[in-house]
Amino acid sequence: MTTQQTEPHGGELVGTRPRTEVEEAFRELEAVAAAPTGQTQLSRGAMTGYLWALGRGDAAPVTGATDQGTPDLSVLTAEADAATVQLEDATQRTIPRDYIQGVHAALAWICGHSDRRP
């Protein structure tokens, strides 16, 4: 985890996204997940990915790596890559597939690898 990145207008970035946008994405998903049938392994994984990317998680959601602060883009990308490896190779998977898919979707969006926000 390294220094915080800033966007051109001076706001803090989480990966390639403004922090406020990542916070909003988390809140919206959290509201959907609060419904009786809204929380799934997929949504739980995405919320965990968001929280970790925002620097609020104890450990990385897939690798379990621990560090202090908000992860920088290279650390976020490495965790998204670790999720990809587990998704592609069931023998490497130690976490439910849908949960990993949620983590991957959130981190891919945060890193700018996808325009699809979970």
PDB file of N, CA and C in Angstrom:
ATOM      1  N   MET A   1       0.841  -1.138   0.000  1.00  0.00           N
ATOM      2  CA  MET A   1       0.000   0.000   0.000  1.00  0.00           C
ATOM      3  C   MET A   1       0.909   1.229   0.000  1.00  0.00           C
ATOM      4  N   THR A   2       0.561   2.167  -0.828  1.00  0.00           N
ATOM      5  CA  THR A   2       1.428   3.323  -0.965  1.00  0.00           C
ATOM      6  C   THR A   2       0.640   4.607  -0.844  1.00  0.00           C
ATOM      7  N   THR A   3       1.253   5.676  -1.311  1.00  0.00           N
ATOM      8  CA  THR A   3       0.620   6.980  -1.193  1.00  0.00           C
ATOM      9  C   THR A   3      -0.682   7.028  -1.969  1.00  0.00           C
ATOM     10  N   GLN A   4      -1.541   7.943  -1.547  1.00  0.00           N
ATOM     11  CA  GLN A   4      -2.833   8.081  -2.197  1.00  0.00           C
ATOM     12  C   GLN A   4      -2.658   8.748  -3.551  1.00  0.00           C
ATOM     13  N   GLN A   5      -3.474   8.346  -4.489  1.00  0.00           N
ATOM     14  CA  GLN A   5      -3.475   8.944  -5.809  1.00  0.00           C
ATOM     15  C   GLN A   5      -4.561  10.000  -5.835  1.00  0.00           C
ATOM     16  N   THR A   6      -4.379  11.013  -6.668  1.00  0.00           N
ATOM     17  CA  THR A   6      -5.404  12.044  -6.789  1.00  0.00           C
ATOM     18  C   THR A   6      -5.824  12.179  -8.237  1.00  0.00           C
ATOM     19  N   GLU A   7      -7.073  12.568  -8.415  1.00  0.00           N
ATOM     20  CA  GLU A   7      -7.582  12.779  -9.760  1.00  0.00           C
ATOM     21  C   GLU A   7      -7.204  14.184 -10.214  1.00  0.00           C
ATOM     22  N   PRO A   8      -7.371  14.504 -11.505  1.00  0.00           N
ATOM     23  CA  PRO A   8      -6.957  15.805 -12.014  1.00  0.00           C
ATOM     24  C   PRO A   8      -7.562  16.996 -11.276  1.00  0.00           C
ATOM     25  N   HIS A   9      -8.745  16.852 -10.729  1.00  0.00           N
ATOM     26  CA  HIS A   9      -9.401  17.960 -10.034  1.00  0.00           C
ATOM     27  C   HIS A   9      -9.111  17.966  -8.539  1.00  0.00           C
ATOM     28  N   GLY A  10      -8.150  17.167  -8.110  1.00  0.00           N
ATOM     29  CA  GLY A  10      -7.702  17.196  -6.725  1.00  0.00           C
ATOM     30  C   GLY A  10      -8.355  16.207  -5.786  1.00  0.00           C
ATOM     31  N   GLY A  11      -9.384  15.478  -6.230  1.00  0.00           N
ATOM     32  CA  GLY A  11     -10.019  14.498  -5.363  1.00  0.00           C
ATOM     33  C   GLY A  11      -9.203  13.221  -5.285  1.00  0.00           C
ATOM     34  N   GLU A  12      -9.384  12.484  -4.218  1.00  0.00           N
ATOM     35  CA  GLU A  12      -8.640  11.233  -4.028  1.00  0.00           C
ATOM     36  C   GLU A  12      -9.201  10.138  -4.927  1.00  0.00           C
ATOM     37  N   LEU A  13      -8.300   9.356  -5.498  1.00  0.00           N
ATOM     38  CA  LEU A  13      -8.690   8.218  -6.321  1.00  0.00           C
ATOM     39  C   LEU A  13      -8.553   6.920  -5.538  1.00  0.00           C
ATOM     40  N   VAL A  14      -9.445   5.991  -5.839  1.00  0.00           N
ATOM     41  CA  VAL A  14      -9.323   4.605  -5.397  1.00  0.00           C
ATOM     42  C   VAL A  14      -9.190   3.830  -6.699  1.00  0.00           C
ATOM     43  N   GLY A  15      -7.998   3.319  -6.964  1.00  0.00           N
ATOM     44  CA  GLY A  15      -7.725   2.733  -8.274  1.00  0.00           C
ATOM     45  C   GLY A  15      -7.751   3.843  -9.306  1.00  0.00           C
ATOM     46  N   THR A  16      -8.677   3.716 -10.270  1.00  0.00           N
ATOM     47  CA  THR A  16      -8.829   4.758 -11.289  1.00  0.00           C
ATOM     48  C   THR A  16     -10.099   5.572 -11.086  1.00  0.00           C
ATOM     49  N   ARG A  17     -10.834   5.286 -10.030  1.00  0.00           N
ATOM     50  CA  ARG A  17     -12.132   5.942  -9.796  1.00  0.00           C
ATOM     51  C   ARG A  17     -12.039   6.946  -8.652  1.00  0.00           C
ATOM     52  N   PRO A  18     -12.801   8.029  -8.747  1.00  0.00           N
ATOM     53  CA  PRO A  18     -12.856   8.951  -7.606  1.00  0.00           C
ATOM     54  C   PRO A  18     -13.401   8.224  -6.373  1.00  0.00           C
ATOM     55  N   ARG A  19     -12.826   8.503  -5.227  1.00  0.00           N
ATOM     56  CA  ARG A  19     -13.246   7.871  -3.971  1.00  0.00           C
ATOM     57  C   ARG A  19     -14.749   8.012  -3.774  1.00  0.00           C
ATOM     58  N   THR A  20     -15.292   9.190  -4.079  1.00  0.00           N
ATOM     59  CA  THR A  20     -16.725   9.416  -3.884  1.00  0.00           C
ATOM     60  C   THR A  20     -17.558   8.468  -4.738  1.00  0.00           C
ATOM     61  N   GLU A  21     -17.078   8.150  -5.938  1.00  0.00           N
ATOM     62  CA  GLU A  21     -17.797   7.230  -6.818  1.00  0.00           C
ATOM     63  C   GLU A  21     -17.767   5.800  -6.269  1.00  0.00           C
ATOM     64  N   VAL A  22     -16.642   5.398  -5.704  1.00  0.00           N
ATOM     65  CA  VAL A  22     -16.528   4.058  -5.112  1.00  0.00           C
ATOM     66  C   VAL A  22     -17.398   3.975  -3.856  1.00  0.00           C
ATOM     67  N   GLU A  23     -17.382   5.034  -3.050  1.00  0.00           N
ATOM     68  CA  GLU A  23     -18.243   5.078  -1.851  1.00  0.00           C
ATOM     69  C   GLU A  23     -19.712   4.952  -2.252  1.00  0.00           C
ATOM     70  N   GLU A  24     -20.103   5.671  -3.295  1.00  0.00           N
ATOM     71  CA  GLU A  24     -21.486   5.628  -3.767  1.00  0.00           C
ATOM     72  C   GLU A  24     -21.854   4.232  -4.263  1.00  0.00           C
ATOM     73  N   ALA A  25     -20.953   3.608  -5.015  1.00  0.00           N
ATOM     74  CA  ALA A  25     -21.205   2.249  -5.514  1.00  0.00           C
ATOM     75  C   ALA A  25     -21.411   1.287  -4.347  1.00  0.00           C
ATOM     76  N   PHE A  26     -20.570   1.404  -3.315  1.00  0.00           N
ATOM     77  CA  PHE A  26     -20.717   0.539  -2.146  1.00  0.00           C
ATOM     78  C   PHE A  26     -22.067   0.765  -1.471  1.00  0.00           C
ATOM     79  N   ARG A  27     -22.426   2.040  -1.241  1.00  0.00           N
ATOM     80  CA  ARG A  27     -23.700   2.342  -0.562  1.00  0.00           C
ATOM     81  C   ARG A  27     -24.897   1.803  -1.340  1.00  0.00           C
ATOM     82  N   GLU A  28     -24.867   1.961  -2.669  1.00  0.00           N
ATOM     83  CA  GLU A  28     -25.982   1.469  -3.480  1.00  0.00           C
ATOM     84  C   GLU A  28     -26.097  -0.055  -3.406  1.00  0.00           C
ATOM     85  N   LEU A  29     -24.974  -0.737  -3.485  1.00  0.00           N
ATOM     86  CA  LEU A  29     -24.991  -2.201  -3.397  1.00  0.00           C
ATOM     87  C   LEU A  29     -25.407  -2.652  -2.003  1.00  0.00           C
ATOM     88  N   GLU A  30     -24.949  -1.943  -0.987  1.00  0.00           N
ATOM     89  CA  GLU A  30     -25.319  -2.267   0.391  1.00  0.00           C
ATOM     90  C   GLU A  30     -26.824  -2.131   0.590  1.00  0.00           C
ATOM     91  N   ALA A  31     -27.437  -1.111  -0.016  1.00  0.00           N
ATOM     92  CA  ALA A  31     -28.884  -0.909   0.100  1.00  0.00           C
ATOM     93  C   ALA A  31     -29.646  -2.055  -0.563  1.00  0.00           C
ATOM     94  N   VAL A  32     -29.188  -2.493  -1.720  1.00  0.00           N
ATOM     95  CA  VAL A  32     -29.821  -3.621  -2.411  1.00  0.00           C
ATOM     96  C   VAL A  32     -29.655  -4.896  -1.589  1.00  0.00           C
ATOM     97  N   ALA A  33     -28.476  -5.094  -1.041  1.00  0.00           N
ATOM     98  CA  ALA A  33     -28.181  -6.305  -0.266  1.00  0.00           C
ATOM     99  C   ALA A  33     -28.940  -6.350   1.053  1.00  0.00           C
ATOM    100  N   ALA A  34     -29.435  -5.205   1.500  1.00  0.00           N
ATOM    101  CA  ALA A  34     -30.172  -5.164   2.765  1.00  0.00           C
ATOM    102  C   ALA A  34     -31.550  -5.815   2.642  1.00  0.00           C
ATOM    103  N   ALA A  35     -32.052  -5.946   1.420  1.00  0.00           N
ATOM    104  CA  ALA A  35     -33.344  -6.597   1.213  1.00  0.00           C
ATOM    105  C   ALA A  35     -33.220  -8.080   1.567  1.00  0.00           C
ATOM    106  N   PRO A  36     -34.324  -8.694   2.006  1.00  0.00           N
ATOM    107  CA  PRO A  36     -34.272 -10.095   2.434  1.00  0.00           C
ATOM    108  C   PRO A  36     -33.648 -11.045   1.410  1.00  0.00           C
ATOM    109  N   THR A  37     -33.897 -10.825   0.133  1.00  0.00           N
ATOM    110  CA  THR A  37     -33.328 -11.708  -0.886  1.00  0.00           C
ATOM    111  C   THR A  37     -32.203 -11.037  -1.667  1.00  0.00           C
ATOM    112  N   GLY A  38     -31.757  -9.877  -1.208  1.00  0.00           N
ATOM    113  CA  GLY A  38     -30.767  -9.105  -1.955  1.00  0.00           C
ATOM    114  C   GLY A  38     -29.334  -9.514  -1.755  1.00  0.00           C
ATOM    115  N   GLN A  39     -29.013 -10.112  -0.607  1.00  0.00           N
ATOM    116  CA  GLN A  39     -27.615 -10.443  -0.359  1.00  0.00           C
ATOM    117  C   GLN A  39     -27.304 -11.841  -0.883  1.00  0.00           C
ATOM    118  N   THR A  40     -26.380 -11.876  -1.811  1.00  0.00           N
ATOM    119  CA  THR A  40     -25.924 -13.127  -2.404  1.00  0.00           C
ATOM    120  C   THR A  40     -24.413 -13.217  -2.210  1.00  0.00           C
ATOM    121  N   GLN A  41     -23.834 -14.346  -2.558  1.00  0.00           N
ATOM    122  CA  GLN A  41     -22.373 -14.459  -2.512  1.00  0.00           C
ATOM    123  C   GLN A  41     -21.742 -13.430  -3.450  1.00  0.00           C
ATOM    124  N   LEU A  42     -22.368 -13.196  -4.593  1.00  0.00           N
ATOM    125  CA  LEU A  42     -21.862 -12.224  -5.557  1.00  0.00           C
ATOM    126  C   LEU A  42     -21.853 -10.817  -4.962  1.00  0.00           C
ATOM    127  N   SER A  43     -22.975 -10.398  -4.376  1.00  0.00           N
ATOM    128  CA  SER A  43     -23.032  -9.047  -3.795  1.00  0.00           C
ATOM    129  C   SER A  43     -22.128  -8.940  -2.576  1.00  0.00           C
ATOM    130  N   ARG A  44     -22.051  -9.999  -1.794  1.00  0.00           N
ATOM    131  CA  ARG A  44     -21.165  -9.997  -0.628  1.00  0.00           C
ATOM    132  C   ARG A  44     -19.703  -9.838  -1.062  1.00  0.00           C
ATOM    133  N   GLY A  45     -19.311 -10.529  -2.125  1.00  0.00           N
ATOM    134  CA  GLY A  45     -17.954 -10.407  -2.650  1.00  0.00           C
ATOM    135  C   GLY A  45     -17.669  -9.008  -3.165  1.00  0.00           C
ATOM    136  N   ALA A  46     -18.622  -8.437  -3.896  1.00  0.00           N
ATOM    137  CA  ALA A  46     -18.437  -7.080  -4.422  1.00  0.00           C
ATOM    138  C   ALA A  46     -18.318  -6.071  -3.285  1.00  0.00           C
ATOM    139  N   MET A  47     -19.169  -6.190  -2.270  1.00  0.00           N
ATOM    140  CA  MET A  47     -19.085  -5.261  -1.131  1.00  0.00           C
ATOM    141  C   MET A  47     -17.753  -5.404  -0.403  1.00  0.00           C
ATOM    142  N   THR A  48     -17.283  -6.628  -0.248  1.00  0.00           N
ATOM    143  CA  THR A  48     -15.986  -6.851   0.396  1.00  0.00           C
ATOM    144  C   THR A  48     -14.865  -6.232  -0.432  1.00  0.00           C
ATOM    145  N   GLY A  49     -14.942  -6.386  -1.753  1.00  0.00           N
ATOM    146  CA  GLY A  49     -13.956  -5.772  -2.637  1.00  0.00           C
ATOM    147  C   GLY A  49     -13.943  -4.260  -2.510  1.00  0.00           C
ATOM    148  N   TYR A  50     -15.134  -3.657  -2.481  1.00  0.00           N
ATOM    149  CA  TYR A  50     -15.234  -2.201  -2.308  1.00  0.00           C
ATOM    150  C   TYR A  50     -14.625  -1.767  -0.978  1.00  0.00           C
ATOM    151  N   LEU A  51     -15.021  -2.429   0.099  1.00  0.00           N
ATOM    152  CA  LEU A  51     -14.512  -2.033   1.421  1.00  0.00           C
ATOM    153  C   LEU A  51     -12.993  -2.146   1.498  1.00  0.00           C
ATOM    154  N   TRP A  52     -12.443  -3.237   0.978  1.00  0.00           N
ATOM    155  CA  TRP A  52     -10.995  -3.406   1.004  1.00  0.00           C
ATOM    156  C   TRP A  52     -10.311  -2.325   0.172  1.00  0.00           C
ATOM    157  N   ALA A  53     -10.856  -2.041  -1.010  1.00  0.00           N
ATOM    158  CA  ALA A  53     -10.273  -1.013  -1.876  1.00  0.00           C
ATOM    159  C   ALA A  53     -10.314   0.367  -1.215  1.00  0.00           C
ATOM    160  N   LEU A  54     -11.320   0.594  -0.389  1.00  0.00           N
ATOM    161  CA  LEU A  54     -11.447   1.869   0.324  1.00  0.00           C
ATOM    162  C   LEU A  54     -10.555   1.927   1.565  1.00  0.00           C
ATOM    163  N   GLY A  55      -9.844   0.841   1.845  1.00  0.00           N
ATOM    164  CA  GLY A  55      -8.939   0.816   2.992  1.00  0.00           C
ATOM    165  C   GLY A  55      -9.604   0.440   4.295  1.00  0.00           C
ATOM    166  N   ARG A  56     -10.784  -0.172   4.213  1.00  0.00           N
ATOM    167  CA  ARG A  56     -11.538  -0.525   5.418  1.00  0.00           C
ATOM    168  C   ARG A  56     -11.526  -2.010   5.735  1.00  0.00           C
ATOM    169  N   GLY A  57     -10.802  -2.786   4.959  1.00  0.00           N
ATOM    170  CA  GLY A  57     -10.751  -4.227   5.193  1.00  0.00           C
ATOM    171  C   GLY A  57      -9.501  -4.612   5.949  1.00  0.00           C
ATOM    172  N   ASP A  58      -9.601  -5.675   6.724  1.00  0.00           N
ATOM    173  CA  ASP A  58      -8.439  -6.169   7.467  1.00  0.00           C
ATOM    174  C   ASP A  58      -7.454  -6.885   6.557  1.00  0.00           C
ATOM    175  N   ALA A  59      -7.977  -7.581   5.564  1.00  0.00           N
ATOM    176  CA  ALA A  59      -7.122  -8.372   4.675  1.00  0.00           C
ATOM    177  C   ALA A  59      -7.704  -8.339   3.266  1.00  0.00           C
ATOM    178  N   ALA A  60      -6.855  -8.559   2.288  1.00  0.00           N
ATOM    179  CA  ALA A  60      -7.303  -8.620   0.898  1.00  0.00           C
ATOM    180  C   ALA A  60      -8.323  -9.752   0.756  1.00  0.00           C
ATOM    181  N   PRO A  61      -9.394  -9.532  -0.008  1.00  0.00           N
ATOM    182  CA  PRO A  61     -10.487 -10.505  -0.041  1.00  0.00           C
ATOM    183  C   PRO A  61     -10.174 -11.858  -0.673  1.00  0.00           C
ATOM    184  N   VAL A  62      -9.189 -11.953  -1.533  1.00  0.00           N
ATOM    185  CA  VAL A  62      -8.872 -13.228  -2.181  1.00  0.00           C
ATOM    186  C   VAL A  62      -7.576 -13.814  -1.635  1.00  0.00           C
ATOM    187  N   THR A  63      -6.530 -13.022  -1.586  1.00  0.00           N
ATOM    188  CA  THR A  63      -5.222 -13.536  -1.156  1.00  0.00           C
ATOM    189  C   THR A  63      -5.048 -13.537   0.351  1.00  0.00           C
ATOM    190  N   GLY A  64      -5.816 -12.695   1.038  1.00  0.00           N
ATOM    191  CA  GLY A  64      -5.679 -12.591   2.486  1.00  0.00           C
ATOM    192  C   GLY A  64      -4.492 -11.749   2.923  1.00  0.00           C
ATOM    193  N   ALA A  65      -3.807 -11.118   1.970  1.00  0.00           N
ATOM    194  CA  ALA A  65      -2.660 -10.264   2.304  1.00  0.00           C
ATOM    195  C   ALA A  65      -3.109  -9.125   3.217  1.00  0.00           C
ATOM    196  N   THR A  66      -2.271  -8.791   4.182  1.00  0.00           N
ATOM    197  CA  THR A  66      -2.609  -7.716   5.112  1.00  0.00           C
ATOM    198  C   THR A  66      -1.612  -6.578   4.981  1.00  0.00           C
ATOM    199  N   ASP A  67      -2.123  -5.386   5.132  1.00  0.00           N
ATOM    200  CA  ASP A  67      -1.314  -4.175   5.098  1.00  0.00           C
ATOM    201  C   ASP A  67      -2.189  -3.048   5.627  1.00  0.00           C
ATOM    202  N   GLN A  68      -1.598  -1.924   5.879  1.00  0.00           N
ATOM    203  CA  GLN A  68      -2.347  -0.789   6.418  1.00  0.00           C
ATOM    204  C   GLN A  68      -2.694   0.182   5.302  1.00  0.00           C
ATOM    205  N   GLY A  69      -3.835   0.831   5.421  1.00  0.00           N
ATOM    206  CA  GLY A  69      -4.187   1.896   4.495  1.00  0.00           C
ATOM    207  C   GLY A  69      -4.926   1.429   3.259  1.00  0.00           C
ATOM    208  N   THR A  70      -5.074   2.375   2.352  1.00  0.00           N
ATOM    209  CA  THR A  70      -5.783   2.132   1.109  1.00  0.00           C
ATOM    210  C   THR A  70      -4.824   1.544   0.079  1.00  0.00           C
ATOM    211  N   PRO A  71      -5.170   0.413  -0.534  1.00  0.00           N
ATOM    212  CA  PRO A  71      -4.272  -0.184  -1.531  1.00  0.00           C
ATOM    213  C   PRO A  71      -4.167   0.699  -2.777  1.00  0.00           C
ATOM    214  N   ASP A  72      -2.970   0.763  -3.355  1.00  0.00           N
ATOM    215  CA  ASP A  72      -2.802   1.539  -4.579  1.00  0.00           C
ATOM    216  C   ASP A  72      -3.214   0.689  -5.784  1.00  0.00           C
ATOM    217  N   LEU A  73      -3.149   1.292  -6.967  1.00  0.00           N
ATOM    218  CA  LEU A  73      -3.628   0.622  -8.174  1.00  0.00           C
ATOM    219  C   LEU A  73      -2.909  -0.697  -8.437  1.00  0.00           C
ATOM    220  N   SER A  74      -1.611  -0.756  -8.198  1.00  0.00           N
ATOM    221  CA  SER A  74      -0.884  -2.007  -8.464  1.00  0.00           C
ATOM    222  C   SER A  74      -1.334  -3.127  -7.526  1.00  0.00           C
ATOM    223  N   VAL A  75      -1.616  -2.797  -6.282  1.00  0.00           N
ATOM    224  CA  VAL A  75      -2.084  -3.802  -5.312  1.00  0.00           C
ATOM    225  C   VAL A  75      -3.512  -4.233  -5.656  1.00  0.00           C
ATOM    226  N   LEU A  76      -4.356  -3.270  -6.031  1.00  0.00           N
ATOM    227  CA  LEU A  76      -5.727  -3.591  -6.440  1.00  0.00           C
ATOM    228  C   LEU A  76      -5.721  -4.506  -7.666  1.00  0.00           C
ATOM    229  N   THR A  77      -4.871  -4.185  -8.629  1.00  0.00           N
ATOM    230  CA  THR A  77      -4.775  -4.991  -9.848  1.00  0.00           C
ATOM    231  C   THR A  77      -4.273  -6.398  -9.542  1.00  0.00           C
ATOM    232  N   ALA A  78      -3.302  -6.514  -8.657  1.00  0.00           N
ATOM    233  CA  ALA A  78      -2.786  -7.835  -8.273  1.00  0.00           C
ATOM    234  C   ALA A  78      -3.878  -8.678  -7.621  1.00  0.00           C
ATOM    235  N   GLU A  79      -4.716  -8.058  -6.799  1.00  0.00           N
ATOM    236  CA  GLU A  79      -5.805  -8.799  -6.157  1.00  0.00           C
ATOM    237  C   GLU A  79      -6.856  -9.210  -7.185  1.00  0.00           C
ATOM    238  N   ALA A  80      -7.157  -8.330  -8.146  1.00  0.00           N
ATOM    239  CA  ALA A  80      -8.084  -8.686  -9.227  1.00  0.00           C
ATOM    240  C   ALA A  80      -7.517  -9.848 -10.037  1.00  0.00           C
ATOM    241  N   ASP A  81      -6.206  -9.825 -10.282  1.00  0.00           N
ATOM    242  CA  ASP A  81      -5.558 -10.930 -11.001  1.00  0.00           C
ATOM    243  C   ASP A  81      -5.647 -12.235 -10.211  1.00  0.00           C
ATOM    244  N   ALA A  82      -5.484 -12.158  -8.900  1.00  0.00           N
ATOM    245  CA  ALA A  82      -5.603 -13.354  -8.054  1.00  0.00           C
ATOM    246  C   ALA A  82      -7.018 -13.920  -8.136  1.00  0.00           C
ATOM    247  N   ALA A  83      -8.016 -13.032  -8.202  1.00  0.00           N
ATOM    248  CA  ALA A  83      -9.400 -13.483  -8.351  1.00  0.00           C
ATOM    249  C   ALA A  83      -9.577 -14.185  -9.694  1.00  0.00           C
ATOM    250  N   THR A  84      -8.973 -13.638 -10.743  1.00  0.00           N
ATOM    251  CA  THR A  84      -9.060 -14.251 -12.070  1.00  0.00           C
ATOM    252  C   THR A  84      -8.477 -15.659 -12.058  1.00  0.00           C
ATOM    253  N   VAL A  85      -7.340 -15.825 -11.418  1.00  0.00           N
ATOM    254  CA  VAL A  85      -6.704 -17.147 -11.330  1.00  0.00           C
ATOM    255  C   VAL A  85      -7.642 -18.140 -10.654  1.00  0.00           C
ATOM    256  N   GLN A  86      -8.262 -17.735  -9.554  1.00  0.00           N
ATOM    257  CA  GLN A  86      -9.165 -18.657  -8.850  1.00  0.00           C
ATOM    258  C   GLN A  86     -10.423 -18.940  -9.657  1.00  0.00           C
ATOM    259  N   LEU A  87     -10.895 -17.945 -10.413  1.00  0.00           N
ATOM    260  CA  LEU A  87     -12.074 -18.175 -11.249  1.00  0.00           C
ATOM    261  C   LEU A  87     -11.777 -19.153 -12.380  1.00  0.00           C
ATOM    262  N   GLU A  88     -10.565 -19.086 -12.920  1.00  0.00           N
ATOM    263  CA  GLU A  88     -10.205 -19.927 -14.060  1.00  0.00           C
ATOM    264  C   GLU A  88      -9.761 -21.333 -13.667  1.00  0.00           C
ATOM    265  N   ASP A  89      -9.336 -21.523 -12.437  1.00  0.00           N
ATOM    266  CA  ASP A  89      -8.794 -22.821 -12.016  1.00  0.00           C
ATOM    267  C   ASP A  89      -9.452 -23.254 -10.710  1.00  0.00           C
ATOM    268  N   ALA A  90     -10.435 -24.133 -10.836  1.00  0.00           N
ATOM    269  CA  ALA A  90     -11.185 -24.581  -9.661  1.00  0.00           C
ATOM    270  C   ALA A  90     -10.291 -25.229  -8.612  1.00  0.00           C
ATOM    271  N   THR A  91      -9.155 -25.792  -9.017  1.00  0.00           N
ATOM    272  CA  THR A  91      -8.263 -26.422  -8.036  1.00  0.00           C
ATOM    273  C   THR A  91      -7.582 -25.386  -7.152  1.00  0.00           C
ATOM    274  N   GLN A  92      -7.523 -24.145  -7.607  1.00  0.00           N
ATOM    275  CA  GLN A  92      -6.925 -23.056  -6.826  1.00  0.00           C
ATOM    276  C   GLN A  92      -7.954 -22.372  -5.923  1.00  0.00           C
ATOM    277  N   ARG A  93      -9.229 -22.673  -6.125  1.00  0.00           N
ATOM    278  CA  ARG A  93     -10.310 -21.956  -5.464  1.00  0.00           C
ATOM    279  C   ARG A  93     -10.506 -22.426  -4.033  1.00  0.00           C
ATOM    280  N   THR A  94     -10.433 -21.482  -3.107  1.00  0.00           N
ATOM    281  CA  THR A  94     -10.673 -21.770  -1.692  1.00  0.00           C
ATOM    282  C   THR A  94     -11.884 -21.005  -1.169  1.00  0.00           C
ATOM    283  N   ILE A  95     -12.490 -20.211  -2.037  1.00  0.00           N
ATOM    284  CA  ILE A  95     -13.612 -19.343  -1.690  1.00  0.00           C
ATOM    285  C   ILE A  95     -14.722 -19.634  -2.708  1.00  0.00           C
ATOM    286  N   PRO A  96     -16.010 -19.505  -2.333  1.00  0.00           N
ATOM    287  CA  PRO A  96     -17.081 -19.763  -3.303  1.00  0.00           C
ATOM    288  C   PRO A  96     -16.921 -18.937  -4.588  1.00  0.00           C
ATOM    289  N   ARG A  97     -17.183 -19.564  -5.723  1.00  0.00           N
ATOM    290  CA  ARG A  97     -17.001 -18.924  -7.033  1.00  0.00           C
ATOM    291  C   ARG A  97     -17.768 -17.606  -7.152  1.00  0.00           C
ATOM    292  N   ASP A  98     -19.025 -17.574  -6.743  1.00  0.00           N
ATOM    293  CA  ASP A  98     -19.813 -16.345  -6.875  1.00  0.00           C
ATOM    294  C   ASP A  98     -19.221 -15.209  -6.049  1.00  0.00           C
ATOM    295  N   TYR A  99     -18.697 -15.525  -4.872  1.00  0.00           N
ATOM    296  CA  TYR A  99     -18.054 -14.515  -4.026  1.00  0.00           C
ATOM    297  C   TYR A  99     -16.831 -13.947  -4.749  1.00  0.00           C
ATOM    298  N   ILE A 100     -15.998 -14.833  -5.306  1.00  0.00           N
ATOM    299  CA  ILE A 100     -14.808 -14.384  -6.040  1.00  0.00           C
ATOM    300  C   ILE A 100     -15.220 -13.546  -7.246  1.00  0.00           C
ATOM    301  N   GLN A 101     -16.284 -13.964  -7.929  1.00  0.00           N
ATOM    302  CA  GLN A 101     -16.774 -13.198  -9.085  1.00  0.00           C
ATOM    303  C   GLN A 101     -17.178 -11.789  -8.653  1.00  0.00           C
ATOM    304  N   GLY A 102     -17.809 -11.657  -7.491  1.00  0.00           N
ATOM    305  CA  GLY A 102     -18.186 -10.338  -6.983  1.00  0.00           C
ATOM    306  C   GLY A 102     -16.979  -9.478  -6.663  1.00  0.00           C
ATOM    307  N   VAL A 103     -15.986 -10.074  -5.998  1.00  0.00           N
ATOM    308  CA  VAL A 103     -14.741  -9.350  -5.702  1.00  0.00           C
ATOM    309  C   VAL A 103     -14.102  -8.898  -7.008  1.00  0.00           C
ATOM    310  N   HIS A 104     -14.000  -9.825  -7.963  1.00  0.00           N
ATOM    311  CA  HIS A 104     -13.370  -9.506  -9.247  1.00  0.00           C
ATOM    312  C   HIS A 104     -14.115  -8.379  -9.963  1.00  0.00           C
ATOM    313  N   ALA A 105     -15.436  -8.447  -9.999  1.00  0.00           N
ATOM    314  CA  ALA A 105     -16.220  -7.417 -10.685  1.00  0.00           C
ATOM    315  C   ALA A 105     -15.982  -6.042 -10.068  1.00  0.00           C
ATOM    316  N   ALA A 106     -15.977  -5.977  -8.738  1.00  0.00           N
ATOM    317  CA  ALA A 106     -15.749  -4.698  -8.060  1.00  0.00           C
ATOM    318  C   ALA A 106     -14.349  -4.171  -8.343  1.00  0.00           C
ATOM    319  N   LEU A 107     -13.341  -5.027  -8.207  1.00  0.00           N
ATOM    320  CA  LEU A 107     -11.962  -4.578  -8.407  1.00  0.00           C
ATOM    321  C   LEU A 107     -11.680  -4.254  -9.874  1.00  0.00           C
ATOM    322  N   ALA A 108     -12.253  -5.012 -10.803  1.00  0.00           N
ATOM    323  CA  ALA A 108     -12.062  -4.712 -12.225  1.00  0.00           C
ATOM    324  C   ALA A 108     -12.637  -3.335 -12.548  1.00  0.00           C
ATOM    325  N   TRP A 109     -13.787  -3.011 -11.979  1.00  0.00           N
ATOM    326  CA  TRP A 109     -14.385  -1.695 -12.200  1.00  0.00           C
ATOM    327  C   TRP A 109     -13.521  -0.602 -11.566  1.00  0.00           C
ATOM    328  N   ILE A 110     -13.096  -0.808 -10.337  1.00  0.00           N
ATOM    329  CA  ILE A 110     -12.260   0.172  -9.636  1.00  0.00           C
ATOM    330  C   ILE A 110     -10.953   0.411 -10.391  1.00  0.00           C
ATOM    331  N   CYS A 111     -10.366  -0.647 -10.941  1.00  0.00           N
ATOM    332  CA  CYS A 111      -9.079  -0.541 -11.654  1.00  0.00           C
ATOM    333  C   CYS A 111      -9.233  -0.008 -13.076  1.00  0.00           C
ATOM    334  N   GLY A 112     -10.459   0.159 -13.542  1.00  0.00           N
ATOM    335  CA  GLY A 112     -10.683   0.664 -14.890  1.00  0.00           C
ATOM    336  C   GLY A 112     -10.625  -0.404 -15.961  1.00  0.00           C
ATOM    337  N   HIS A 113     -10.667  -1.675 -15.568  1.00  0.00           N
ATOM    338  CA  HIS A 113     -10.644  -2.773 -16.533  1.00  0.00           C
ATOM    339  C   HIS A 113     -12.038  -3.084 -17.056  1.00  0.00           C
ATOM    340  N   SER A 114     -13.041  -2.498 -16.435  1.00  0.00           N
ATOM    341  CA  SER A 114     -14.427  -2.725 -16.818  1.00  0.00           C
ATOM    342  C   SER A 114     -15.215  -1.447 -16.554  1.00  0.00           C
ATOM    343  N   ASP A 115     -16.192  -1.182 -17.414  1.00  0.00           N
ATOM    344  CA  ASP A 115     -17.085  -0.042 -17.185  1.00  0.00           C
ATOM    345  C   ASP A 115     -18.347  -0.486 -16.460  1.00  0.00           C
ATOM    346  N   ARG A 116     -18.449  -1.783 -16.222  1.00  0.00           N
ATOM    347  CA  ARG A 116     -19.647  -2.349 -15.581  1.00  0.00           C
ATOM    348  C   ARG A 116     -19.469  -2.374 -14.067  1.00  0.00           C
ATOM    349  N   ARG A 117     -20.227  -1.527 -13.403  1.00  0.00           N
ATOM    350  CA  ARG A 117     -20.143  -1.434 -11.943  1.00  0.00           C
ATOM    351  C   ARG A 117     -21.086  -2.445 -11.305  1.00  0.00           C
ATOM    352  N   PRO A 118     -20.549  -3.285 -10.409  1.00  0.00           N
ATOM    353  CA  PRO A 118     -21.429  -4.271  -9.765  1.00  0.00           C
ATOM    354  C   PRO A 118     -22.402  -3.623  -8.786  1.00  0.00           C
TER     355      PRO A 118
END
